[in-house]
Amino acid sequence: MTIAEAQKKVDHWINSHGVRYFNELTNMTLLTEEVGELARIMARTYGEQSFKESDKGRDLGDEMADVLWVLICLANQTGVDLTAALENNMIKKTTRDTDRHKNNDKLRS
């Protein structure tokens, strides 16, 4: 599925199952909440924290998909074409960081 297709599918789902989009501020808050849930699983899976009983069985991919879902909702309701935005962001990063990381001694181990 392309990013554009994902934006259309989320929009279709919202309009057929979700009644309407939550407002932008609510979705921004939900995005923060979903990133927090992802961070919790990352900290327990790759960090030093141990799993709580309530964290066991949580799926990392599903948590990432929750973040992506809300981000797509925000893009849809604010008129952002995520494909174009990502393409432009890649150009920006490539121009700005052409040699930056190659010349970073901290990345050479």
N, C-alpha and C. Protein backbone atom coordinates (compact mmCIF):
# COMPACT_ATOMS: atom_id res chain seq x y z
N MET A 1 0.85 -1.17 0.00
CA MET A 1 0.00 0.00 0.00
C MET A 1 0.90 1.24 0.00
N THR A 2 0.58 2.19 -0.85
CA THR A 2 1.34 3.43 -0.88
C THR A 2 0.86 4.36 0.24
N ILE A 3 1.60 5.40 0.48
CA ILE A 3 1.18 6.38 1.49
C ILE A 3 -0.14 7.02 1.06
N ALA A 4 -0.26 7.35 -0.22
CA ALA A 4 -1.50 7.97 -0.72
C ALA A 4 -2.68 7.01 -0.54
N GLU A 5 -2.46 5.73 -0.81
CA GLU A 5 -3.53 4.76 -0.61
C GLU A 5 -3.89 4.66 0.87
N ALA A 6 -2.90 4.71 1.73
CA ALA A 6 -3.16 4.66 3.17
C ALA A 6 -3.99 5.87 3.59
N GLN A 7 -3.66 7.04 3.07
CA GLN A 7 -4.43 8.23 3.42
C GLN A 7 -5.89 8.07 2.97
N LYS A 8 -6.10 7.51 1.80
CA LYS A 8 -7.47 7.30 1.30
C LYS A 8 -8.21 6.26 2.14
N LYS A 9 -7.52 5.16 2.49
CA LYS A 9 -8.16 4.10 3.27
C LYS A 9 -8.55 4.59 4.66
N VAL A 10 -7.67 5.36 5.29
CA VAL A 10 -7.98 5.89 6.61
C VAL A 10 -9.18 6.84 6.50
N ASP A 11 -9.17 7.69 5.48
CA ASP A 11 -10.28 8.62 5.29
C ASP A 11 -11.59 7.87 5.08
N HIS A 12 -11.54 6.83 4.26
CA HIS A 12 -12.74 6.03 4.01
C HIS A 12 -13.22 5.39 5.31
N TRP A 13 -12.29 4.83 6.09
CA TRP A 13 -12.67 4.19 7.35
C TRP A 13 -13.31 5.20 8.30
N ILE A 14 -12.68 6.37 8.44
CA ILE A 14 -13.21 7.40 9.33
C ILE A 14 -14.63 7.78 8.91
N ASN A 15 -14.83 7.97 7.63
CA ASN A 15 -16.14 8.41 7.15
C ASN A 15 -17.20 7.31 7.14
N SER A 16 -16.79 6.05 7.13
CA SER A 16 -17.78 4.98 7.12
C SER A 16 -17.96 4.29 8.48
N HIS A 17 -16.94 4.32 9.33
CA HIS A 17 -17.01 3.65 10.63
C HIS A 17 -16.83 4.59 11.82
N GLY A 18 -16.09 5.64 11.61
CA GLY A 18 -15.72 6.49 12.72
C GLY A 18 -16.57 7.74 12.89
N VAL A 19 -17.59 7.91 12.10
CA VAL A 19 -18.50 9.05 12.11
C VAL A 19 -17.82 10.29 11.54
N ARG A 20 -16.74 10.74 12.18
CA ARG A 20 -15.98 11.91 11.71
C ARG A 20 -14.61 11.88 12.36
N TYR A 21 -13.72 12.73 11.86
CA TYR A 21 -12.41 12.88 12.50
C TYR A 21 -12.58 13.57 13.85
N PHE A 22 -11.77 13.16 14.82
CA PHE A 22 -11.66 13.98 16.03
C PHE A 22 -11.02 15.29 15.60
N ASN A 23 -11.19 16.35 16.38
CA ASN A 23 -10.57 17.61 15.96
C ASN A 23 -9.05 17.50 16.02
N GLU A 24 -8.39 18.44 15.39
CA GLU A 24 -6.92 18.38 15.25
C GLU A 24 -6.20 18.33 16.58
N LEU A 25 -6.67 19.09 17.55
CA LEU A 25 -6.01 19.10 18.85
C LEU A 25 -6.19 17.75 19.55
N THR A 26 -7.37 17.18 19.46
CA THR A 26 -7.59 15.85 20.03
C THR A 26 -6.67 14.84 19.36
N ASN A 27 -6.58 14.88 18.03
CA ASN A 27 -5.71 13.93 17.34
C ASN A 27 -4.24 14.16 17.67
N MET A 28 -3.83 15.40 17.87
CA MET A 28 -2.44 15.65 18.27
C MET A 28 -2.17 15.04 19.64
N THR A 29 -3.14 15.15 20.53
CA THR A 29 -3.00 14.55 21.85
C THR A 29 -2.96 13.03 21.75
N LEU A 30 -3.83 12.48 20.89
CA LEU A 30 -3.83 11.02 20.69
C LEU A 30 -2.51 10.54 20.09
N LEU A 31 -1.94 11.34 19.18
CA LEU A 31 -0.64 10.98 18.60
C LEU A 31 0.42 10.91 19.69
N THR A 32 0.41 11.88 20.58
CA THR A 32 1.36 11.89 21.69
C THR A 32 1.16 10.66 22.57
N GLU A 33 -0.08 10.31 22.83
CA GLU A 33 -0.39 9.13 23.63
C GLU A 33 0.12 7.86 22.95
N GLU A 34 -0.12 7.75 21.65
CA GLU A 34 0.32 6.56 20.92
C GLU A 34 1.85 6.46 20.87
N VAL A 35 2.53 7.59 20.71
CA VAL A 35 4.00 7.59 20.73
C VAL A 35 4.49 7.14 22.10
N GLY A 36 3.80 7.56 23.15
CA GLY A 36 4.15 7.13 24.49
C GLY A 36 4.01 5.62 24.67
N GLU A 37 2.94 5.06 24.10
CA GLU A 37 2.76 3.60 24.19
C GLU A 37 3.85 2.87 23.42
N LEU A 38 4.23 3.40 22.27
CA LEU A 38 5.33 2.83 21.50
C LEU A 38 6.63 2.92 22.30
N ALA A 39 6.86 4.06 22.92
CA ALA A 39 8.07 4.26 23.71
C ALA A 39 8.14 3.27 24.88
N ARG A 40 6.99 3.00 25.49
CA ARG A 40 6.95 2.05 26.60
C ARG A 40 7.42 0.67 26.14
N ILE A 41 6.91 0.22 25.00
CA ILE A 41 7.29 -1.10 24.49
C ILE A 41 8.75 -1.11 24.06
N MET A 42 9.22 -0.04 23.45
CA MET A 42 10.63 0.05 23.06
C MET A 42 11.54 0.01 24.29
N ALA A 43 11.17 0.73 25.34
CA ALA A 43 11.99 0.77 26.56
C ALA A 43 12.07 -0.60 27.22
N ARG A 44 10.98 -1.35 27.13
CA ARG A 44 10.97 -2.65 27.76
C ARG A 44 11.61 -3.73 26.88
N THR A 45 11.49 -3.57 25.57
CA THR A 45 12.05 -4.56 24.66
C THR A 45 13.54 -4.34 24.44
N TYR A 46 13.96 -3.09 24.25
CA TYR A 46 15.35 -2.80 23.90
C TYR A 46 16.10 -2.06 25.00
N GLY A 47 15.38 -1.54 25.96
CA GLY A 47 16.01 -0.81 27.05
C GLY A 47 16.17 -1.66 28.29
N GLU A 48 16.32 -1.00 29.39
CA GLU A 48 16.63 -1.69 30.64
C GLU A 48 15.42 -1.93 31.53
N GLN A 49 14.27 -1.41 31.13
CA GLN A 49 13.09 -1.63 31.96
C GLN A 49 12.53 -3.03 31.74
N SER A 50 11.94 -3.57 32.80
CA SER A 50 11.30 -4.88 32.68
C SER A 50 9.84 -4.68 32.31
N PHE A 51 9.27 -5.73 31.73
CA PHE A 51 7.86 -5.67 31.32
C PHE A 51 6.96 -5.74 32.54
N LYS A 52 5.92 -4.90 32.51
CA LYS A 52 4.84 -5.02 33.48
C LYS A 52 3.87 -6.04 32.90
N GLU A 53 3.06 -6.60 33.75
CA GLU A 53 2.09 -7.60 33.30
C GLU A 53 1.21 -7.02 32.18
N SER A 54 0.84 -5.74 32.32
CA SER A 54 -0.04 -5.10 31.32
C SER A 54 0.66 -4.84 29.98
N ASP A 55 1.99 -4.89 29.96
CA ASP A 55 2.75 -4.66 28.72
C ASP A 55 2.98 -5.95 27.94
N LYS A 56 2.87 -7.08 28.61
CA LYS A 56 3.16 -8.36 27.96
C LYS A 56 2.15 -8.61 26.85
N GLY A 57 2.63 -9.10 25.75
CA GLY A 57 1.76 -9.41 24.62
C GLY A 57 1.49 -8.24 23.70
N ARG A 58 2.01 -7.05 24.03
CA ARG A 58 1.83 -5.90 23.15
C ARG A 58 2.73 -6.09 21.94
N ASP A 59 2.23 -5.71 20.79
CA ASP A 59 2.93 -5.92 19.53
C ASP A 59 3.56 -4.62 19.07
N LEU A 60 4.87 -4.64 18.86
CA LEU A 60 5.60 -3.44 18.45
C LEU A 60 5.07 -2.87 17.13
N GLY A 61 4.83 -3.75 16.17
CA GLY A 61 4.30 -3.30 14.88
C GLY A 61 2.93 -2.66 15.01
N ASP A 62 2.09 -3.22 15.88
CA ASP A 62 0.77 -2.66 16.09
C ASP A 62 0.86 -1.28 16.73
N GLU A 63 1.79 -1.12 17.66
CA GLU A 63 1.99 0.20 18.29
C GLU A 63 2.47 1.22 17.26
N MET A 64 3.36 0.80 16.37
CA MET A 64 3.83 1.71 15.31
C MET A 64 2.68 2.05 14.36
N ALA A 65 1.84 1.08 14.07
CA ALA A 65 0.69 1.32 13.19
C ALA A 65 -0.29 2.29 13.84
N ASP A 66 -0.45 2.23 15.16
CA ASP A 66 -1.31 3.20 15.85
C ASP A 66 -0.78 4.62 15.66
N VAL A 67 0.54 4.78 15.77
CA VAL A 67 1.16 6.10 15.56
C VAL A 67 0.90 6.56 14.14
N LEU A 68 1.13 5.67 13.18
CA LEU A 68 0.94 6.00 11.77
C LEU A 68 -0.51 6.36 11.48
N TRP A 69 -1.44 5.62 12.06
CA TRP A 69 -2.87 5.88 11.86
C TRP A 69 -3.23 7.32 12.25
N VAL A 70 -2.83 7.72 13.45
CA VAL A 70 -3.19 9.06 13.92
C VAL A 70 -2.45 10.13 13.12
N LEU A 71 -1.21 9.86 12.73
CA LEU A 71 -0.48 10.80 11.89
C LEU A 71 -1.20 10.98 10.55
N ILE A 72 -1.67 9.89 9.98
CA ILE A 72 -2.42 9.97 8.73
C ILE A 72 -3.72 10.75 8.93
N CYS A 73 -4.39 10.53 10.04
CA CYS A 73 -5.60 11.31 10.33
C CYS A 73 -5.28 12.80 10.35
N LEU A 74 -4.22 13.17 11.04
CA LEU A 74 -3.84 14.59 11.10
C LEU A 74 -3.50 15.13 9.72
N ALA A 75 -2.80 14.35 8.92
CA ALA A 75 -2.47 14.79 7.56
C ALA A 75 -3.74 14.99 6.74
N ASN A 76 -4.65 14.04 6.82
CA ASN A 76 -5.90 14.14 6.06
C ASN A 76 -6.69 15.38 6.44
N GLN A 77 -6.83 15.63 7.72
CA GLN A 77 -7.69 16.72 8.13
C GLN A 77 -7.03 18.09 8.00
N THR A 78 -5.71 18.12 7.80
CA THR A 78 -5.03 19.41 7.60
C THR A 78 -4.60 19.61 6.16
N GLY A 79 -4.96 18.66 5.29
CA GLY A 79 -4.67 18.81 3.87
C GLY A 79 -3.22 18.54 3.47
N VAL A 80 -2.51 17.75 4.26
CA VAL A 80 -1.12 17.44 3.96
C VAL A 80 -1.06 16.16 3.11
N ASP A 81 -0.40 16.24 1.98
CA ASP A 81 -0.11 15.09 1.14
C ASP A 81 1.18 14.49 1.68
N LEU A 82 1.07 13.39 2.42
CA LEU A 82 2.24 12.81 3.08
C LEU A 82 3.28 12.30 2.09
N THR A 83 2.86 11.85 0.90
CA THR A 83 3.83 11.42 -0.11
C THR A 83 4.70 12.59 -0.51
N ALA A 84 4.09 13.70 -0.86
CA ALA A 84 4.84 14.90 -1.26
C ALA A 84 5.69 15.42 -0.11
N ALA A 85 5.11 15.41 1.09
CA ALA A 85 5.85 15.90 2.25
C ALA A 85 7.09 15.06 2.52
N LEU A 86 6.96 13.73 2.42
CA LEU A 86 8.10 12.85 2.65
C LEU A 86 9.15 13.02 1.55
N GLU A 87 8.70 13.13 0.30
CA GLU A 87 9.64 13.34 -0.80
C GLU A 87 10.42 14.64 -0.60
N ASN A 88 9.72 15.71 -0.23
CA ASN A 88 10.39 17.00 0.01
C ASN A 88 11.33 16.92 1.21
N ASN A 89 10.93 16.17 2.23
CA ASN A 89 11.76 16.01 3.41
C ASN A 89 13.04 15.25 3.09
N MET A 90 12.93 14.24 2.22
CA MET A 90 14.12 13.48 1.80
C MET A 90 15.09 14.38 1.04
N ILE A 91 14.57 15.23 0.19
CA ILE A 91 15.43 16.18 -0.55
C ILE A 91 16.11 17.11 0.44
N LYS A 92 15.37 17.64 1.39
CA LYS A 92 15.93 18.54 2.40
C LYS A 92 17.05 17.86 3.17
N LYS A 93 16.79 16.65 3.63
CA LYS A 93 17.79 15.92 4.42
C LYS A 93 19.02 15.58 3.58
N THR A 94 18.80 15.19 2.34
CA THR A 94 19.92 14.84 1.46
C THR A 94 20.80 16.05 1.20
N THR A 95 20.17 17.18 0.96
CA THR A 95 20.93 18.42 0.71
C THR A 95 21.66 18.87 1.96
N ARG A 96 20.98 18.87 3.07
CA ARG A 96 21.54 19.37 4.33
C ARG A 96 22.59 18.43 4.90
N ASP A 97 22.37 17.13 4.77
CA ASP A 97 23.20 16.15 5.49
C ASP A 97 24.04 15.27 4.56
N THR A 98 24.36 15.77 3.36
CA THR A 98 25.08 14.96 2.39
C THR A 98 26.29 14.25 3.00
N ASP A 99 27.12 14.97 3.70
CA ASP A 99 28.33 14.37 4.29
C ASP A 99 28.34 14.41 5.81
N ARG A 100 27.32 15.00 6.40
CA ARG A 100 27.30 15.19 7.85
C ARG A 100 27.51 13.90 8.62
N HIS A 101 26.76 12.87 8.29
CA HIS A 101 26.85 11.63 9.06
C HIS A 101 28.10 10.83 8.69
N LYS A 102 28.52 10.92 7.45
CA LYS A 102 29.75 10.23 7.04
C LYS A 102 30.96 10.79 7.79
N ASN A 103 30.89 12.08 8.12
CA ASN A 103 32.01 12.74 8.80
C ASN A 103 31.86 12.75 10.32
N ASN A 104 30.89 12.05 10.85
CA ASN A 104 30.64 12.02 12.28
C ASN A 104 31.44 10.87 12.91
N ASP A 105 32.50 11.22 13.61
CA ASP A 105 33.33 10.21 14.26
C ASP A 105 32.56 9.36 15.27
N LYS A 106 31.49 9.92 15.83
CA LYS A 106 30.71 9.18 16.81
C LYS A 106 29.99 7.98 16.19
N LEU A 107 29.79 8.02 14.88
CA LEU A 107 29.09 6.93 14.21
C LEU A 107 30.02 5.83 13.74
N ARG A 108 31.30 6.06 13.83
CA ARG A 108 32.28 5.05 13.43
C ARG A 108 32.71 4.27 14.66
N SER A 109 32.45 2.99 14.63
CA SER A 109 32.83 2.21 15.82
C SER A 109 33.69 1.03 15.44
